Structures are given as structure tokens and as C-alpha cells.
């Protein structure tokens, strides 16, 4: 993910900055405890697509 793009993107819910989790290919909002997926290099910034960090991921 491009650093320049990361500087522009904010959480669509609260407008906070996002952290790029390279391992999981997600953009993480610490304030809302949401993780937005990155698919084929494109961040999916829809609240309905976000994964809650409060719920343990299925294995």
C-alpha cells in the first residue's frame, strides 16, 4: 500500500487515522476497533465490510 495513500485515508466512521496491518492486509482504526480489508491492493472502506476487533477471528 502506498504511503501517500495511507496519509490521505481516514476511517469512514469516525475520521480517525488508520494503521496499515501488512500481515493481515487491513487498515485498522483503533478508535472504532474496526479493520477494513485490502483486496487486490484496494482498500475497502465500507463500514459493512469492516471486521470488528472486539470479536475473535474465525480460524
PDB file of N, CA and C in Angstrom:
ATOM      1  N   UNK A   1       0.849  -1.169   0.000  1.00  0.00           N
ATOM      2  CA  UNK A   1       0.000   0.000   0.000  1.00  0.00           C
ATOM      3  C   UNK A   1       0.896   1.233   0.000  1.00  0.00           C
ATOM      4  N   UNK A   2       0.591   2.167  -0.828  1.00  0.00           N
ATOM      5  CA  UNK A   2       1.379   3.394  -0.957  1.00  0.00           C
ATOM      6  C   UNK A   2       1.294   4.271   0.285  1.00  0.00           C
ATOM      7  N   UNK A   3       2.418   4.772   0.723  1.00  0.00           N
ATOM      8  CA  UNK A   3       2.464   5.637   1.902  1.00  0.00           C
ATOM      9  C   UNK A   3       1.621   6.893   1.686  1.00  0.00           C
ATOM     10  N   UNK A   4       1.676   7.435   0.500  1.00  0.00           N
ATOM     11  CA  UNK A   4       0.902   8.651   0.187  1.00  0.00           C
ATOM     12  C   UNK A   4      -0.596   8.401   0.343  1.00  0.00           C
ATOM     13  N   UNK A   5      -1.059   7.261  -0.109  1.00  0.00           N
ATOM     14  CA  UNK A   5      -2.470   6.919   0.017  1.00  0.00           C
ATOM     15  C   UNK A   5      -2.860   6.755   1.483  1.00  0.00           C
ATOM     16  N   UNK A   6      -1.983   6.148   2.268  1.00  0.00           N
ATOM     17  CA  UNK A   6      -2.250   5.962   3.698  1.00  0.00           C
ATOM     18  C   UNK A   6      -2.369   7.291   4.440  1.00  0.00           C
ATOM     19  N   UNK A   7      -1.665   8.294   3.982  1.00  0.00           N
ATOM     20  CA  UNK A   7      -1.735   9.607   4.618  1.00  0.00           C
ATOM     21  C   UNK A   7      -3.070  10.295   4.343  1.00  0.00           C
ATOM     22  N   UNK A   8      -3.729   9.942   3.265  1.00  0.00           N
ATOM     23  CA  UNK A   8      -4.992  10.564   2.867  1.00  0.00           C
ATOM     24  C   UNK A   8      -6.195   9.850   3.471  1.00  0.00           C
ATOM     25  N   UNK A   9      -6.135   8.517   3.535  1.00  0.00           N
ATOM     26  CA  UNK A   9      -7.281   7.734   4.002  1.00  0.00           C
ATOM     27  C   UNK A   9      -7.527   7.907   5.496  1.00  0.00           C
ATOM     28  N   UNK A  10      -8.801   7.999   5.848  1.00  0.00           N
ATOM     29  CA  UNK A  10      -9.220   8.038   7.254  1.00  0.00           C
ATOM     30  C   UNK A  10     -10.374   7.062   7.425  1.00  0.00           C
ATOM     31  N   UNK A  11     -10.677   6.746   8.654  1.00  0.00           N
ATOM     32  CA  UNK A  11     -11.791   5.857   8.959  1.00  0.00           C
ATOM     33  C   UNK A  11     -13.088   6.501   8.458  1.00  0.00           C
ATOM     34  N   UNK A  12     -13.899   5.773   7.710  1.00  0.00           N
ATOM     35  CA  UNK A  12     -15.155   6.343   7.213  1.00  0.00           C
ATOM     36  C   UNK A  12     -16.196   6.546   8.307  1.00  0.00           C
ATOM     37  N   UNK A  13     -16.000   5.934   9.461  1.00  0.00           N
ATOM     38  CA  UNK A  13     -16.956   6.050  10.564  1.00  0.00           C
ATOM     39  C   UNK A  13     -16.649   7.272  11.426  1.00  0.00           C
ATOM     40  N   UNK A  14     -15.385   7.414  11.864  1.00  0.00           N
ATOM     41  CA  UNK A  14     -15.043   8.478  12.828  1.00  0.00           C
ATOM     42  C   UNK A  14     -14.018   9.482  12.312  1.00  0.00           C
ATOM     43  N   UNK A  15     -13.462   9.237  11.135  1.00  0.00           N
ATOM     44  CA  UNK A  15     -12.453  10.118  10.509  1.00  0.00           C
ATOM     45  C   UNK A  15     -11.094  10.088  11.198  1.00  0.00           C
ATOM     46  N   UNK A  16     -10.825   9.068  12.003  1.00  0.00           N
ATOM     47  CA  UNK A  16      -9.509   8.907  12.643  1.00  0.00           C
ATOM     48  C   UNK A  16      -8.502   8.367  11.641  1.00  0.00           C
ATOM     49  N   UNK A  17      -7.229   8.505  11.979  1.00  0.00           N
ATOM     50  CA  UNK A  17      -6.180   7.942  11.127  1.00  0.00           C
ATOM     51  C   UNK A  17      -6.218   6.414  11.213  1.00  0.00           C
ATOM     52  N   UNK A  18      -5.650   5.785  10.217  1.00  0.00           N
ATOM     53  CA  UNK A  18      -5.648   4.328  10.127  1.00  0.00           C
ATOM     54  C   UNK A  18      -4.218   3.808  10.173  1.00  0.00           C
ATOM     55  N   UNK A  19      -4.067   2.601  10.692  1.00  0.00           N
ATOM     56  CA  UNK A  19      -2.772   1.919  10.729  1.00  0.00           C
ATOM     57  C   UNK A  19      -2.833   0.763   9.734  1.00  0.00           C
ATOM     58  N   UNK A  20      -1.784   0.610   8.937  1.00  0.00           N
ATOM     59  CA  UNK A  20      -1.732  -0.463   7.951  1.00  0.00           C
ATOM     60  C   UNK A  20      -1.154  -1.723   8.586  1.00  0.00           C
ATOM     61  N   UNK A  21      -1.960  -2.769   8.639  1.00  0.00           N
ATOM     62  CA  UNK A  21      -1.504  -4.075   9.115  1.00  0.00           C
ATOM     63  C   UNK A  21      -1.118  -4.872   7.870  1.00  0.00           C
ATOM     64  N   UNK A  22       0.171  -4.890   7.559  1.00  0.00           N
ATOM     65  CA  UNK A  22       0.649  -5.536   6.329  1.00  0.00           C
ATOM     66  C   UNK A  22       0.413  -7.050   6.340  1.00  0.00           C
ATOM     67  N   UNK A  23       0.570  -7.663   7.494  1.00  0.00           N
ATOM     68  CA  UNK A  23       0.418  -9.118   7.598  1.00  0.00           C
ATOM     69  C   UNK A  23      -1.010  -9.559   7.255  1.00  0.00           C
ATOM     70  N   UNK A  24      -1.989  -8.849   7.800  1.00  0.00           N
ATOM     71  CA  UNK A  24      -3.397  -9.215   7.580  1.00  0.00           C
ATOM     72  C   UNK A  24      -4.024  -8.503   6.383  1.00  0.00           C
ATOM     73  N   UNK A  25      -3.281  -7.575   5.773  1.00  0.00           N
ATOM     74  CA  UNK A  25      -3.780  -6.772   4.658  1.00  0.00           C
ATOM     75  C   UNK A  25      -5.074  -6.057   5.040  1.00  0.00           C
ATOM     76  N   UNK A  26      -4.955  -5.228   6.094  1.00  0.00           N
ATOM     77  CA  UNK A  26      -6.086  -4.462   6.606  1.00  0.00           C
ATOM     78  C   UNK A  26      -5.638  -3.069   7.006  1.00  0.00           C
ATOM     79  N   UNK A  27      -6.588  -2.150   7.022  1.00  0.00           N
ATOM     80  CA  UNK A  27      -6.384  -0.827   7.596  1.00  0.00           C
ATOM     81  C   UNK A  27      -7.168  -0.808   8.892  1.00  0.00           C
ATOM     82  N   UNK A  28      -6.498  -0.501   9.986  1.00  0.00           N
ATOM     83  CA  UNK A  28      -7.081  -0.624  11.314  1.00  0.00           C
ATOM     84  C   UNK A  28      -7.370   0.745  11.915  1.00  0.00           C
ATOM     85  N   UNK A  29      -8.590   0.906  12.430  1.00  0.00           N
ATOM     86  CA  UNK A  29      -8.984   2.096  13.170  1.00  0.00           C
ATOM     87  C   UNK A  29      -9.015   1.715  14.650  1.00  0.00           C
ATOM     88  N   UNK A  30      -8.082   2.273  15.425  1.00  0.00           N
ATOM     89  CA  UNK A  30      -8.008   1.965  16.854  1.00  0.00           C
ATOM     90  C   UNK A  30      -9.195   2.563  17.609  1.00  0.00           C
ATOM     91  N   UNK A  31      -9.675   3.721  17.169  1.00  0.00           N
ATOM     92  CA  UNK A  31     -10.767   4.401  17.873  1.00  0.00           C
ATOM     93  C   UNK A  31     -12.063   3.597  17.823  1.00  0.00           C
ATOM     94  N   UNK A  32     -12.401   3.067  16.659  1.00  0.00           N
ATOM     95  CA  UNK A  32     -13.644   2.300  16.487  1.00  0.00           C
ATOM     96  C   UNK A  32     -13.442   0.802  16.625  1.00  0.00           C
ATOM     97  N   UNK A  33     -12.175   0.376  16.733  1.00  0.00           N
ATOM     98  CA  UNK A  33     -11.827  -1.041  16.801  1.00  0.00           C
ATOM     99  C   UNK A  33     -12.379  -1.812  15.607  1.00  0.00           C
ATOM    100  N   UNK A  34     -12.098  -1.247  14.406  1.00  0.00           N
ATOM    101  CA  UNK A  34     -12.515  -1.855  13.153  1.00  0.00           C
ATOM    102  C   UNK A  34     -11.298  -2.062  12.254  1.00  0.00           C
ATOM    103  N   UNK A  35     -11.361  -3.111  11.433  1.00  0.00           N
ATOM    104  CA  UNK A  35     -10.311  -3.389  10.455  1.00  0.00           C
ATOM    105  C   UNK A  35     -10.954  -3.484   9.077  1.00  0.00           C
ATOM    106  N   UNK A  36     -10.491  -2.623   8.183  1.00  0.00           N
ATOM    107  CA  UNK A  36     -11.021  -2.590   6.819  1.00  0.00           C
ATOM    108  C   UNK A  36     -10.097  -3.400   5.911  1.00  0.00           C
ATOM    109  N   UNK A  37     -10.646  -4.326   5.121  1.00  0.00           N
ATOM    110  CA  UNK A  37      -9.802  -5.192   4.297  1.00  0.00           C
ATOM    111  C   UNK A  37      -9.189  -4.453   3.110  1.00  0.00           C
ATOM    112  N   UNK A  38      -8.048  -4.972   2.666  1.00  0.00           N
ATOM    113  CA  UNK A  38      -7.425  -4.511   1.425  1.00  0.00           C
ATOM    114  C   UNK A  38      -7.462  -5.708   0.486  1.00  0.00           C
ATOM    115  N   UNK A  39      -8.157  -5.558  -0.614  1.00  0.00           N
ATOM    116  CA  UNK A  39      -8.298  -6.655  -1.584  1.00  0.00           C
ATOM    117  C   UNK A  39      -7.674  -6.249  -2.907  1.00  0.00           C
ATOM    118  N   UNK A  40      -6.741  -7.053  -3.374  1.00  0.00           N
ATOM    119  CA  UNK A  40      -6.030  -6.776  -4.626  1.00  0.00           C
ATOM    120  C   UNK A  40      -5.445  -5.369  -4.631  1.00  0.00           C
ATOM    121  N   UNK A  41      -4.951  -4.925  -3.470  1.00  0.00           N
ATOM    122  CA  UNK A  41      -4.324  -3.628  -3.356  1.00  0.00           C
ATOM    123  C   UNK A  41      -5.283  -2.465  -3.192  1.00  0.00           C
ATOM    124  N   UNK A  42      -6.588  -2.751  -3.106  1.00  0.00           N
ATOM    125  CA  UNK A  42      -7.598  -1.699  -2.993  1.00  0.00           C
ATOM    126  C   UNK A  42      -8.240  -1.755  -1.608  1.00  0.00           C
ATOM    127  N   UNK A  43      -8.148  -0.671  -0.830  1.00  0.00           N
ATOM    128  CA  UNK A  43      -8.798  -0.654   0.482  1.00  0.00           C
ATOM    129  C   UNK A  43     -10.317  -0.583   0.332  1.00  0.00           C
ATOM    130  N   UNK A  44     -11.000  -1.464   1.032  1.00  0.00           N
ATOM    131  CA  UNK A  44     -12.469  -1.500   1.013  1.00  0.00           C
ATOM    132  C   UNK A  44     -12.937  -0.738   2.249  1.00  0.00           C
ATOM    133  N   UNK A  45     -13.342   0.501   2.052  1.00  0.00           N
ATOM    134  CA  UNK A  45     -13.623   1.409   3.162  1.00  0.00           C
ATOM    135  C   UNK A  45     -15.115   1.491   3.497  1.00  0.00           C
ATOM    136  N   UNK A  46     -15.816   0.413   3.327  1.00  0.00           N
ATOM    137  CA  UNK A  46     -17.236   0.359   3.658  1.00  0.00           C
ATOM    138  C   UNK A  46     -17.414  -0.184   5.076  1.00  0.00           C
ATOM    139  N   UNK A  47     -18.158   0.522   5.917  1.00  0.00           N
ATOM    140  CA  UNK A  47     -18.375   0.032   7.282  1.00  0.00           C
ATOM    141  C   UNK A  47     -18.957  -1.385   7.324  1.00  0.00           C
ATOM    142  N   UNK A  48     -19.760  -1.734   6.331  1.00  0.00           N
ATOM    143  CA  UNK A  48     -20.352  -3.077   6.306  1.00  0.00           C
ATOM    144  C   UNK A  48     -19.325  -4.160   6.002  1.00  0.00           C
ATOM    145  N   UNK A  49     -18.184  -3.790   5.435  1.00  0.00           N
ATOM    146  CA  UNK A  49     -17.124  -4.755   5.119  1.00  0.00           C
ATOM    147  C   UNK A  49     -16.081  -4.850   6.230  1.00  0.00           C
ATOM    148  N   UNK A  50     -16.142  -3.957   7.203  1.00  0.00           N
ATOM    149  CA  UNK A  50     -15.135  -3.919   8.272  1.00  0.00           C
ATOM    150  C   UNK A  50     -15.314  -5.088   9.232  1.00  0.00           C
ATOM    151  N   UNK A  51     -14.169  -5.530   9.755  1.00  0.00           N
ATOM    152  CA  UNK A  51     -14.155  -6.597  10.756  1.00  0.00           C
ATOM    153  C   UNK A  51     -13.986  -5.949  12.125  1.00  0.00           C
ATOM    154  N   UNK A  52     -14.789  -6.358  13.063  1.00  0.00           N
ATOM    155  CA  UNK A  52     -14.684  -5.834  14.417  1.00  0.00           C
ATOM    156  C   UNK A  52     -13.487  -6.466  15.109  1.00  0.00           C
ATOM    157  N   UNK A  53     -12.697  -5.651  15.763  1.00  0.00           N
ATOM    158  CA  UNK A  53     -11.540  -6.167  16.511  1.00  0.00           C
ATOM    159  C   UNK A  53     -11.954  -6.703  17.868  1.00  0.00           C
ATOM    160  N   UNK A  54     -13.210  -6.492  18.249  1.00  0.00           N
ATOM    161  CA  UNK A  54     -13.725  -6.988  19.522  1.00  0.00           C
ATOM    162  C   UNK A  54     -14.149  -8.463  19.434  1.00  0.00           C
ATOM    163  N   UNK A  55     -14.242  -8.988  18.228  1.00  0.00           N
ATOM    164  CA  UNK A  55     -14.652 -10.366  18.008  1.00  0.00           C
ATOM    165  C   UNK A  55     -13.423 -11.159  17.562  1.00  0.00           C
ATOM    166  N   UNK A  56     -13.185 -12.302  18.171  1.00  0.00           N
ATOM    167  CA  UNK A  56     -12.058 -13.142  17.804  1.00  0.00           C
ATOM    168  C   UNK A  56     -12.226 -13.626  16.362  1.00  0.00           C
ATOM    169  N   UNK A  57     -11.156 -13.557  15.533  1.00  0.00           N
ATOM    170  CA  UNK A  57     -11.258 -14.004  14.141  1.00  0.00           C
ATOM    171  C   UNK A  57     -11.479 -15.512  14.070  1.00  0.00           C
ATOM    172  N   UNK A  58     -12.267 -15.929  13.097  1.00  0.00           N
ATOM    173  CA  UNK A  58     -12.508 -17.371  12.921  1.00  0.00           C
ATOM    174  C   UNK A  58     -11.262 -17.992  12.299  1.00  0.00           C
ATOM    175  N   UNK A  59     -10.969 -19.202  12.714  1.00  0.00           N
ATOM    176  CA  UNK A  59      -9.759 -19.872  12.219  1.00  0.00           C
ATOM    177  C   UNK A  59     -10.111 -21.002  11.314  1.00  0.00           C
TER     178      UNK A  59
END
